[in-house]
Amino acid sequence: MTVREIRVFGDPVLRTKADPVDPASPATAALVQDLLDTVQVPGRAGVAACQIGTAQAAFSFLVDGRLGYVLNPRIDEVRGEPELVDEGCLSVPDLGFPTPRHPWCRVIGVDLDGAELVLEGEGLMAQMLQHEMAHLDGKLYLQALERGTRAVAMEAVRNAPWY
């Protein structure tokens, strides 16, 4: 089991758009295993590849007891007007802010065999899907915050002991 270190705010890999992966590659299989191992630390809902240091289009999740991963994902559909939900991020430790998220989301990607994989849901699943997809675009949830909240969040980041 390889639990990888989570990269934190300021690391350039977190601002890098993810490259597609080859599902058939042994390196991709190793990445998936590291993602699955890393997301199983208690308190985690999702881990994007950039958070463990590689700008590859993959993330793992553990939501409501369901463990999984997706490669080369894209958002297929969101439903509902964005609502403010409390959100945090492993790459911005110990902080959380109300973040606008659609209440339902569907992501389509592939598994290690190249077969289509559809992930969809509401609540925490929808929030996680949108959060991890933003990571793959090189964005942190802080960028999705409303203007006033973002100013407060950035001040909190600057004052955080890990910054």
N, C-alpha and C. Protein backbone atom coordinates (compact mmCIF):
# COMPACT_ATOMS: atom_id res chain seq x y z
N MET A 1 0.85 -1.18 0.00
CA MET A 1 0.00 0.00 0.00
C MET A 1 0.89 1.23 0.00
N THR A 2 0.65 2.14 -0.96
CA THR A 2 1.44 3.36 -1.05
C THR A 2 0.52 4.56 -0.90
N VAL A 3 0.56 5.17 0.28
CA VAL A 3 -0.16 6.41 0.50
C VAL A 3 0.80 7.53 0.18
N ARG A 4 0.48 8.29 -0.84
CA ARG A 4 1.38 9.35 -1.30
C ARG A 4 1.11 10.65 -0.56
N GLU A 5 2.15 11.47 -0.44
CA GLU A 5 2.05 12.78 0.19
C GLU A 5 1.19 13.70 -0.68
N ILE A 6 0.34 14.48 -0.02
CA ILE A 6 -0.53 15.43 -0.72
C ILE A 6 0.21 16.74 -0.92
N ARG A 7 0.22 17.22 -2.15
CA ARG A 7 0.83 18.51 -2.47
C ARG A 7 -0.09 19.62 -1.99
N VAL A 8 0.50 20.72 -1.50
CA VAL A 8 -0.32 21.81 -0.97
C VAL A 8 -0.19 23.08 -1.81
N PHE A 9 -1.13 23.97 -1.56
CA PHE A 9 -1.22 25.26 -2.23
C PHE A 9 0.18 25.84 -2.43
N GLY A 10 0.44 26.31 -3.63
CA GLY A 10 1.74 26.87 -3.97
C GLY A 10 2.57 25.93 -4.84
N ASP A 11 2.27 24.63 -4.80
CA ASP A 11 2.99 23.67 -5.62
C ASP A 11 2.52 23.84 -7.07
N PRO A 12 3.43 24.05 -8.01
CA PRO A 12 3.04 24.30 -9.41
C PRO A 12 2.22 23.18 -10.05
N VAL A 13 2.38 21.95 -9.61
CA VAL A 13 1.62 20.85 -10.22
C VAL A 13 0.11 21.03 -10.02
N LEU A 14 -0.27 21.74 -8.96
CA LEU A 14 -1.70 21.97 -8.70
C LEU A 14 -2.31 22.97 -9.68
N ARG A 15 -1.49 23.72 -10.38
CA ARG A 15 -1.96 24.71 -11.35
C ARG A 15 -1.78 24.23 -12.79
N THR A 16 -1.43 22.96 -12.96
CA THR A 16 -1.14 22.41 -14.27
C THR A 16 -2.33 21.60 -14.78
N LYS A 17 -2.74 21.89 -16.00
CA LYS A 17 -3.83 21.11 -16.61
C LYS A 17 -3.33 19.69 -16.86
N ALA A 18 -4.16 18.71 -16.50
CA ALA A 18 -3.78 17.31 -16.59
C ALA A 18 -3.68 16.82 -18.03
N ASP A 19 -2.70 15.97 -18.28
CA ASP A 19 -2.54 15.31 -19.57
C ASP A 19 -3.32 14.01 -19.56
N PRO A 20 -3.88 13.61 -20.72
CA PRO A 20 -4.56 12.32 -20.80
C PRO A 20 -3.59 11.18 -20.47
N VAL A 21 -4.16 10.10 -19.96
CA VAL A 21 -3.35 8.92 -19.65
C VAL A 21 -3.70 7.79 -20.61
N ASP A 22 -2.78 6.86 -20.74
CA ASP A 22 -3.00 5.65 -21.52
C ASP A 22 -3.51 4.59 -20.55
N PRO A 23 -4.79 4.21 -20.65
CA PRO A 23 -5.33 3.23 -19.70
C PRO A 23 -4.57 1.91 -19.68
N ALA A 24 -3.97 1.52 -20.78
CA ALA A 24 -3.28 0.23 -20.87
C ALA A 24 -1.86 0.25 -20.32
N SER A 25 -1.36 1.41 -19.96
CA SER A 25 0.02 1.53 -19.50
C SER A 25 0.19 1.00 -18.07
N PRO A 26 1.27 0.26 -17.83
CA PRO A 26 1.57 -0.16 -16.45
C PRO A 26 1.76 1.03 -15.51
N ALA A 27 2.27 2.14 -16.03
CA ALA A 27 2.44 3.34 -15.20
C ALA A 27 1.08 3.87 -14.75
N THR A 28 0.08 3.79 -15.61
CA THR A 28 -1.27 4.23 -15.25
C THR A 28 -1.85 3.32 -14.17
N ALA A 29 -1.65 2.03 -14.31
CA ALA A 29 -2.13 1.08 -13.30
C ALA A 29 -1.49 1.37 -11.94
N ALA A 30 -0.21 1.69 -11.93
CA ALA A 30 0.48 2.03 -10.68
C ALA A 30 -0.06 3.33 -10.10
N LEU A 31 -0.33 4.31 -10.96
CA LEU A 31 -0.90 5.58 -10.52
C LEU A 31 -2.27 5.34 -9.88
N VAL A 32 -3.10 4.55 -10.54
CA VAL A 32 -4.43 4.25 -9.99
C VAL A 32 -4.32 3.60 -8.62
N GLN A 33 -3.41 2.66 -8.46
CA GLN A 33 -3.26 2.01 -7.15
C GLN A 33 -2.83 3.01 -6.09
N ASP A 34 -1.91 3.90 -6.43
CA ASP A 34 -1.50 4.94 -5.47
C ASP A 34 -2.66 5.86 -5.13
N LEU A 35 -3.46 6.23 -6.13
CA LEU A 35 -4.63 7.08 -5.88
C LEU A 35 -5.63 6.38 -4.96
N LEU A 36 -5.89 5.11 -5.22
CA LEU A 36 -6.83 4.35 -4.38
C LEU A 36 -6.31 4.21 -2.96
N ASP A 37 -5.02 3.94 -2.80
CA ASP A 37 -4.43 3.84 -1.46
C ASP A 37 -4.51 5.17 -0.73
N THR A 38 -4.23 6.24 -1.44
CA THR A 38 -4.16 7.57 -0.83
C THR A 38 -5.54 8.09 -0.43
N VAL A 39 -6.57 7.80 -1.19
CA VAL A 39 -7.91 8.30 -0.86
C VAL A 39 -8.52 7.57 0.34
N GLN A 40 -7.97 6.40 0.69
CA GLN A 40 -8.57 5.63 1.78
C GLN A 40 -8.14 6.09 3.17
N VAL A 41 -7.30 7.11 3.26
CA VAL A 41 -6.99 7.71 4.56
C VAL A 41 -8.29 8.34 5.07
N PRO A 42 -8.66 8.09 6.32
CA PRO A 42 -9.93 8.62 6.83
C PRO A 42 -10.08 10.13 6.61
N GLY A 43 -11.30 10.52 6.25
CA GLY A 43 -11.63 11.93 6.04
C GLY A 43 -11.46 12.40 4.62
N ARG A 44 -11.13 11.51 3.71
CA ARG A 44 -10.91 11.90 2.31
C ARG A 44 -12.06 11.40 1.44
N ALA A 45 -12.50 12.26 0.51
CA ALA A 45 -13.56 11.90 -0.44
C ALA A 45 -13.02 11.73 -1.84
N GLY A 46 -11.94 12.43 -2.18
CA GLY A 46 -11.37 12.33 -3.52
C GLY A 46 -9.92 12.79 -3.52
N VAL A 47 -9.15 12.22 -4.44
CA VAL A 47 -7.75 12.62 -4.62
C VAL A 47 -7.47 12.64 -6.13
N ALA A 48 -7.07 13.79 -6.63
CA ALA A 48 -6.69 13.92 -8.03
C ALA A 48 -5.19 13.64 -8.17
N ALA A 49 -4.80 13.17 -9.35
CA ALA A 49 -3.40 12.81 -9.58
C ALA A 49 -2.45 13.98 -9.30
N CYS A 50 -2.86 15.20 -9.63
CA CYS A 50 -1.98 16.34 -9.36
C CYS A 50 -1.69 16.49 -7.87
N GLN A 51 -2.63 16.07 -7.03
CA GLN A 51 -2.43 16.21 -5.60
C GLN A 51 -1.35 15.27 -5.07
N ILE A 52 -1.01 14.26 -5.86
CA ILE A 52 0.09 13.38 -5.46
C ILE A 52 1.30 13.58 -6.38
N GLY A 53 1.28 14.71 -7.11
CA GLY A 53 2.49 15.14 -7.81
C GLY A 53 2.58 14.87 -9.29
N THR A 54 1.51 14.40 -9.91
CA THR A 54 1.58 14.13 -11.35
C THR A 54 0.38 14.72 -12.07
N ALA A 55 0.63 15.49 -13.09
CA ALA A 55 -0.44 16.17 -13.83
C ALA A 55 -1.03 15.22 -14.88
N GLN A 56 -1.68 14.19 -14.38
CA GLN A 56 -2.32 13.19 -15.24
C GLN A 56 -3.82 13.22 -14.99
N ALA A 57 -4.60 12.88 -16.01
CA ALA A 57 -6.06 12.94 -15.94
C ALA A 57 -6.63 11.70 -15.26
N ALA A 58 -6.57 11.71 -13.94
CA ALA A 58 -7.07 10.59 -13.15
C ALA A 58 -7.39 11.09 -11.75
N PHE A 59 -8.44 10.50 -11.16
CA PHE A 59 -8.69 10.74 -9.74
C PHE A 59 -9.36 9.52 -9.14
N SER A 60 -9.23 9.43 -7.82
CA SER A 60 -9.89 8.37 -7.05
C SER A 60 -10.91 9.01 -6.14
N PHE A 61 -11.83 8.17 -5.63
CA PHE A 61 -12.84 8.70 -4.72
C PHE A 61 -13.26 7.63 -3.72
N LEU A 62 -13.77 8.09 -2.60
CA LEU A 62 -14.35 7.25 -1.58
C LEU A 62 -15.52 8.03 -0.99
N VAL A 63 -16.70 7.77 -1.53
CA VAL A 63 -17.91 8.50 -1.14
C VAL A 63 -18.99 7.50 -0.75
N ASP A 64 -19.54 7.68 0.44
CA ASP A 64 -20.61 6.80 0.93
C ASP A 64 -20.23 5.32 0.81
N GLY A 65 -18.97 5.02 1.14
CA GLY A 65 -18.50 3.66 1.13
C GLY A 65 -18.13 3.11 -0.24
N ARG A 66 -18.30 3.91 -1.28
CA ARG A 66 -17.97 3.48 -2.65
C ARG A 66 -16.57 3.97 -3.01
N LEU A 67 -15.68 3.03 -3.27
CA LEU A 67 -14.30 3.33 -3.64
C LEU A 67 -14.15 3.14 -5.14
N GLY A 68 -13.51 4.10 -5.81
CA GLY A 68 -13.31 3.94 -7.24
C GLY A 68 -12.33 4.95 -7.80
N TYR A 69 -12.22 4.94 -9.11
CA TYR A 69 -11.32 5.84 -9.82
C TYR A 69 -11.90 6.07 -11.21
N VAL A 70 -11.37 7.07 -11.90
CA VAL A 70 -11.72 7.31 -13.30
C VAL A 70 -10.51 7.91 -14.00
N LEU A 71 -10.35 7.53 -15.25
CA LEU A 71 -9.26 8.03 -16.09
C LEU A 71 -9.84 8.87 -17.21
N ASN A 72 -9.11 9.91 -17.59
CA ASN A 72 -9.50 10.78 -18.70
C ASN A 72 -10.95 11.24 -18.62
N PRO A 73 -11.37 11.72 -17.44
CA PRO A 73 -12.78 12.08 -17.29
C PRO A 73 -13.11 13.45 -17.89
N ARG A 74 -14.41 13.62 -18.14
CA ARG A 74 -14.95 14.90 -18.56
C ARG A 74 -16.33 15.04 -17.92
N ILE A 75 -16.69 16.27 -17.61
CA ILE A 75 -18.04 16.50 -17.09
C ILE A 75 -19.00 16.40 -18.27
N ASP A 76 -19.98 15.52 -18.14
CA ASP A 76 -20.98 15.31 -19.18
C ASP A 76 -22.20 16.19 -18.94
N GLU A 77 -22.59 16.33 -17.66
CA GLU A 77 -23.79 17.11 -17.35
C GLU A 77 -23.78 17.52 -15.89
N VAL A 78 -24.29 18.71 -15.64
CA VAL A 78 -24.61 19.16 -14.29
C VAL A 78 -26.07 19.58 -14.30
N ARG A 79 -26.71 19.47 -13.15
CA ARG A 79 -28.11 19.87 -13.04
C ARG A 79 -28.29 20.75 -11.82
N GLY A 80 -29.24 21.68 -11.96
CA GLY A 80 -29.58 22.55 -10.85
C GLY A 80 -28.69 23.77 -10.78
N GLU A 81 -29.21 24.79 -10.16
CA GLU A 81 -28.43 26.01 -9.93
C GLU A 81 -27.39 25.74 -8.86
N PRO A 82 -26.20 26.32 -9.01
CA PRO A 82 -25.18 26.12 -7.97
C PRO A 82 -25.69 26.56 -6.59
N GLU A 83 -25.36 25.76 -5.60
CA GLU A 83 -25.70 26.04 -4.20
C GLU A 83 -24.41 26.12 -3.40
N LEU A 84 -24.42 26.93 -2.35
CA LEU A 84 -23.23 27.01 -1.50
C LEU A 84 -23.18 25.80 -0.58
N VAL A 85 -22.07 25.07 -0.65
CA VAL A 85 -21.85 23.91 0.22
C VAL A 85 -20.49 24.08 0.89
N ASP A 86 -20.40 23.65 2.13
CA ASP A 86 -19.12 23.73 2.84
C ASP A 86 -18.14 22.79 2.16
N GLU A 87 -16.97 23.32 1.86
CA GLU A 87 -15.98 22.53 1.13
C GLU A 87 -14.59 22.83 1.64
N GLY A 88 -13.77 21.82 1.60
CA GLY A 88 -12.36 21.95 1.93
C GLY A 88 -11.56 21.21 0.88
N CYS A 89 -10.25 21.17 1.07
CA CYS A 89 -9.39 20.51 0.10
C CYS A 89 -8.13 20.04 0.81
N LEU A 90 -7.71 18.84 0.49
CA LEU A 90 -6.48 18.31 1.09
C LEU A 90 -5.28 19.17 0.75
N SER A 91 -5.33 19.87 -0.39
CA SER A 91 -4.22 20.72 -0.82
C SER A 91 -4.28 22.12 -0.22
N VAL A 92 -5.32 22.38 0.55
CA VAL A 92 -5.47 23.64 1.28
C VAL A 92 -5.88 23.22 2.70
N PRO A 93 -4.94 22.61 3.45
CA PRO A 93 -5.28 21.95 4.70
C PRO A 93 -5.91 22.84 5.75
N ASP A 94 -6.83 22.22 6.50
CA ASP A 94 -7.43 22.82 7.69
C ASP A 94 -8.31 24.03 7.42
N LEU A 95 -8.66 24.29 6.17
CA LEU A 95 -9.52 25.43 5.85
C LEU A 95 -10.73 24.92 5.08
N GLY A 96 -11.83 25.63 5.19
CA GLY A 96 -13.03 25.28 4.44
C GLY A 96 -13.89 26.51 4.25
N PHE A 97 -14.56 26.58 3.12
CA PHE A 97 -15.37 27.74 2.78
C PHE A 97 -16.58 27.32 1.97
N PRO A 98 -17.68 28.11 2.07
CA PRO A 98 -18.86 27.82 1.25
C PRO A 98 -18.54 28.02 -0.23
N THR A 99 -18.75 26.95 -1.00
CA THR A 99 -18.36 26.90 -2.40
C THR A 99 -19.57 26.61 -3.26
N PRO A 100 -19.77 27.37 -4.35
CA PRO A 100 -20.92 27.07 -5.22
C PRO A 100 -20.69 25.79 -6.03
N ARG A 101 -21.62 24.86 -5.88
CA ARG A 101 -21.56 23.59 -6.61
C ARG A 101 -22.96 23.23 -7.10
N HIS A 102 -23.02 22.65 -8.29
CA HIS A 102 -24.30 22.14 -8.79
C HIS A 102 -24.71 20.95 -7.93
N PRO A 103 -26.02 20.78 -7.68
CA PRO A 103 -26.45 19.69 -6.81
C PRO A 103 -26.37 18.29 -7.43
N TRP A 104 -26.18 18.21 -8.75
CA TRP A 104 -26.07 16.91 -9.43
C TRP A 104 -25.02 17.02 -10.52
N CYS A 105 -24.26 15.95 -10.71
CA CYS A 105 -23.19 15.97 -11.71
C CYS A 105 -22.98 14.57 -12.27
N ARG A 106 -22.64 14.52 -13.57
CA ARG A 106 -22.24 13.25 -14.20
C ARG A 106 -20.91 13.47 -14.90
N VAL A 107 -19.99 12.54 -14.67
CA VAL A 107 -18.66 12.53 -15.29
C VAL A 107 -18.52 11.22 -16.05
N ILE A 108 -17.96 11.31 -17.25
CA ILE A 108 -17.70 10.13 -18.06
C ILE A 108 -16.20 10.03 -18.33
N GLY A 109 -15.67 8.84 -18.14
CA GLY A 109 -14.26 8.57 -18.41
C GLY A 109 -14.11 7.11 -18.75
N VAL A 110 -12.93 6.57 -18.46
CA VAL A 110 -12.67 5.15 -18.73
C VAL A 110 -11.97 4.52 -17.54
N ASP A 111 -11.99 3.18 -17.54
CA ASP A 111 -11.25 2.43 -16.52
C ASP A 111 -9.93 1.93 -17.12
N LEU A 112 -9.22 1.10 -16.38
CA LEU A 112 -7.92 0.61 -16.84
C LEU A 112 -8.01 -0.30 -18.06
N ASP A 113 -9.20 -0.85 -18.31
CA ASP A 113 -9.40 -1.67 -19.50
C ASP A 113 -9.85 -0.85 -20.70
N GLY A 114 -10.02 0.46 -20.51
CA GLY A 114 -10.48 1.32 -21.59
C GLY A 114 -11.99 1.34 -21.73
N ALA A 115 -12.70 0.66 -20.85
CA ALA A 115 -14.17 0.63 -20.89
C ALA A 115 -14.72 1.93 -20.32
N GLU A 116 -15.83 2.39 -20.91
CA GLU A 116 -16.45 3.63 -20.43
C GLU A 116 -16.90 3.47 -18.98
N LEU A 117 -16.68 4.52 -18.23
CA LEU A 117 -17.05 4.57 -16.82
C LEU A 117 -17.89 5.82 -16.61
N VAL A 118 -19.07 5.67 -16.03
CA VAL A 118 -19.95 6.80 -15.76
C VAL A 118 -20.10 6.94 -14.26
N LEU A 119 -19.77 8.11 -13.75
CA LEU A 119 -19.94 8.44 -12.34
C LEU A 119 -20.95 9.57 -12.26
N GLU A 120 -21.96 9.40 -11.42
CA GLU A 120 -22.95 10.46 -11.28
C GLU A 120 -23.54 10.41 -9.89
N GLY A 121 -24.09 11.53 -9.50
CA GLY A 121 -24.74 11.56 -8.21
C GLY A 121 -25.04 12.96 -7.77
N GLU A 122 -25.63 13.01 -6.59
CA GLU A 122 -25.97 14.29 -5.98
C GLU A 122 -25.26 14.38 -4.64
N GLY A 123 -25.43 15.49 -3.98
CA GLY A 123 -24.83 15.67 -2.67
C GLY A 123 -23.32 15.60 -2.73
N LEU A 124 -22.74 14.82 -1.81
CA LEU A 124 -21.29 14.73 -1.71
C LEU A 124 -20.66 14.19 -3.00
N MET A 125 -21.33 13.25 -3.66
CA MET A 125 -20.79 12.71 -4.91
C MET A 125 -20.69 13.81 -5.96
N ALA A 126 -21.73 14.60 -6.11
CA ALA A 126 -21.71 15.70 -7.10
C ALA A 126 -20.63 16.71 -6.75
N GLN A 127 -20.52 17.03 -5.48
CA GLN A 127 -19.51 17.99 -5.03
C GLN A 127 -18.11 17.46 -5.31
N MET A 128 -17.87 16.19 -4.97
CA MET A 128 -16.55 15.59 -5.20
C MET A 128 -16.21 15.57 -6.69
N LEU A 129 -17.15 15.19 -7.53
CA LEU A 129 -16.89 15.14 -8.96
C LEU A 129 -16.47 16.50 -9.50
N GLN A 130 -17.19 17.54 -9.12
CA GLN A 130 -16.86 18.89 -9.59
C GLN A 130 -15.51 19.35 -9.03
N HIS A 131 -15.25 19.03 -7.78
CA HIS A 131 -14.00 19.42 -7.12
C HIS A 131 -12.80 18.76 -7.81
N GLU A 132 -12.89 17.45 -8.03
CA GLU A 132 -11.76 16.72 -8.64
C GLU A 132 -11.58 17.12 -10.10
N MET A 133 -12.67 17.37 -10.82
CA MET A 133 -12.55 17.80 -12.21
C MET A 133 -11.84 19.16 -12.29
N ALA A 134 -12.11 20.04 -11.32
CA ALA A 134 -11.41 21.32 -11.29
C ALA A 134 -9.91 21.10 -11.10
N HIS A 135 -9.54 20.16 -10.22
CA HIS A 135 -8.12 19.84 -10.06
C HIS A 135 -7.50 19.45 -11.40
N LEU A 136 -8.20 18.65 -12.18
CA LEU A 136 -7.64 18.19 -13.45
C LEU A 136 -7.51 19.33 -14.46
N ASP A 137 -8.24 20.41 -14.22
CA ASP A 137 -8.10 21.62 -15.05
C ASP A 137 -7.05 22.57 -14.48
N GLY A 138 -6.37 22.17 -13.42
CA GLY A 138 -5.34 23.01 -12.81
C GLY A 138 -5.90 24.08 -11.90
N LYS A 139 -7.08 23.84 -11.33
CA LYS A 139 -7.73 24.83 -10.48
C LYS A 139 -8.01 24.26 -9.09
N LEU A 140 -7.88 25.12 -8.10
CA LEU A 140 -8.26 24.78 -6.74
C LEU A 140 -9.64 25.34 -6.45
N TYR A 141 -10.32 24.76 -5.48
CA TYR A 141 -11.67 25.22 -5.16
C TYR A 141 -11.71 26.68 -4.76
N LEU A 142 -10.61 27.21 -4.29
CA LEU A 142 -10.56 28.62 -3.90
C LEU A 142 -10.95 29.54 -5.06
N GLN A 143 -10.65 29.10 -6.28
CA GLN A 143 -10.97 29.90 -7.46
C GLN A 143 -12.46 29.94 -7.76
N ALA A 144 -13.22 29.01 -7.20
CA ALA A 144 -14.66 28.96 -7.42
C ALA A 144 -15.43 29.77 -6.38
N LEU A 145 -14.74 30.26 -5.36
CA LEU A 145 -15.42 30.98 -4.28
C LEU A 145 -15.97 32.32 -4.77
N GLU A 146 -17.04 32.76 -4.12
CA GLU A 146 -17.57 34.09 -4.40
C GLU A 146 -16.53 35.11 -3.95
N ARG A 147 -16.56 36.26 -4.58
CA ARG A 147 -15.49 37.26 -4.42
C ARG A 147 -15.13 37.58 -2.96
N GLY A 148 -16.10 37.92 -2.14
CA GLY A 148 -15.82 38.26 -0.74
C GLY A 148 -15.26 37.09 0.03
N THR A 149 -15.80 35.92 -0.22
CA THR A 149 -15.32 34.70 0.46
C THR A 149 -13.91 34.38 0.01
N ARG A 150 -13.63 34.62 -1.26
CA ARG A 150 -12.29 34.34 -1.77
C ARG A 150 -11.24 35.22 -1.08
N ALA A 151 -11.56 36.47 -0.84
CA ALA A 151 -10.62 37.38 -0.16
C ALA A 151 -10.33 36.87 1.25
N VAL A 152 -11.37 36.45 1.96
CA VAL A 152 -11.19 35.90 3.31
C VAL A 152 -10.36 34.62 3.24
N ALA A 153 -10.66 33.78 2.26
CA ALA A 153 -9.93 32.51 2.11
C ALA A 153 -8.45 32.75 1.83
N MET A 154 -8.15 33.68 0.96
CA MET A 154 -6.75 33.92 0.62
C MET A 154 -5.99 34.50 1.82
N GLU A 155 -6.63 35.31 2.61
CA GLU A 155 -5.99 35.79 3.83
C GLU A 155 -5.72 34.62 4.78
N ALA A 156 -6.68 33.72 4.90
CA ALA A 156 -6.50 32.54 5.75
C ALA A 156 -5.34 31.67 5.24
N VAL A 157 -5.23 31.52 3.92
CA VAL A 157 -4.12 30.76 3.34
C VAL A 157 -2.79 31.42 3.71
N ARG A 158 -2.71 32.74 3.52
CA ARG A 158 -1.46 33.45 3.82
C ARG A 158 -1.06 33.32 5.29
N ASN A 159 -2.05 33.16 6.18
CA ASN A 159 -1.77 33.05 7.61
C ASN A 159 -1.64 31.61 8.08
N ALA A 160 -1.86 30.65 7.20
CA ALA A 160 -1.80 29.23 7.59
C ALA A 160 -0.35 28.82 7.88
N PRO A 161 -0.15 27.98 8.88
CA PRO A 161 1.22 27.56 9.24
C PRO A 161 1.92 26.77 8.14
N TRP A 162 1.18 26.11 7.25
CA TRP A 162 1.79 25.31 6.19
C TRP A 162 2.16 26.14 4.98
N TYR A 163 1.74 27.41 4.92
CA TYR A 163 1.99 28.24 3.73
C TYR A 163 3.39 28.81 3.77
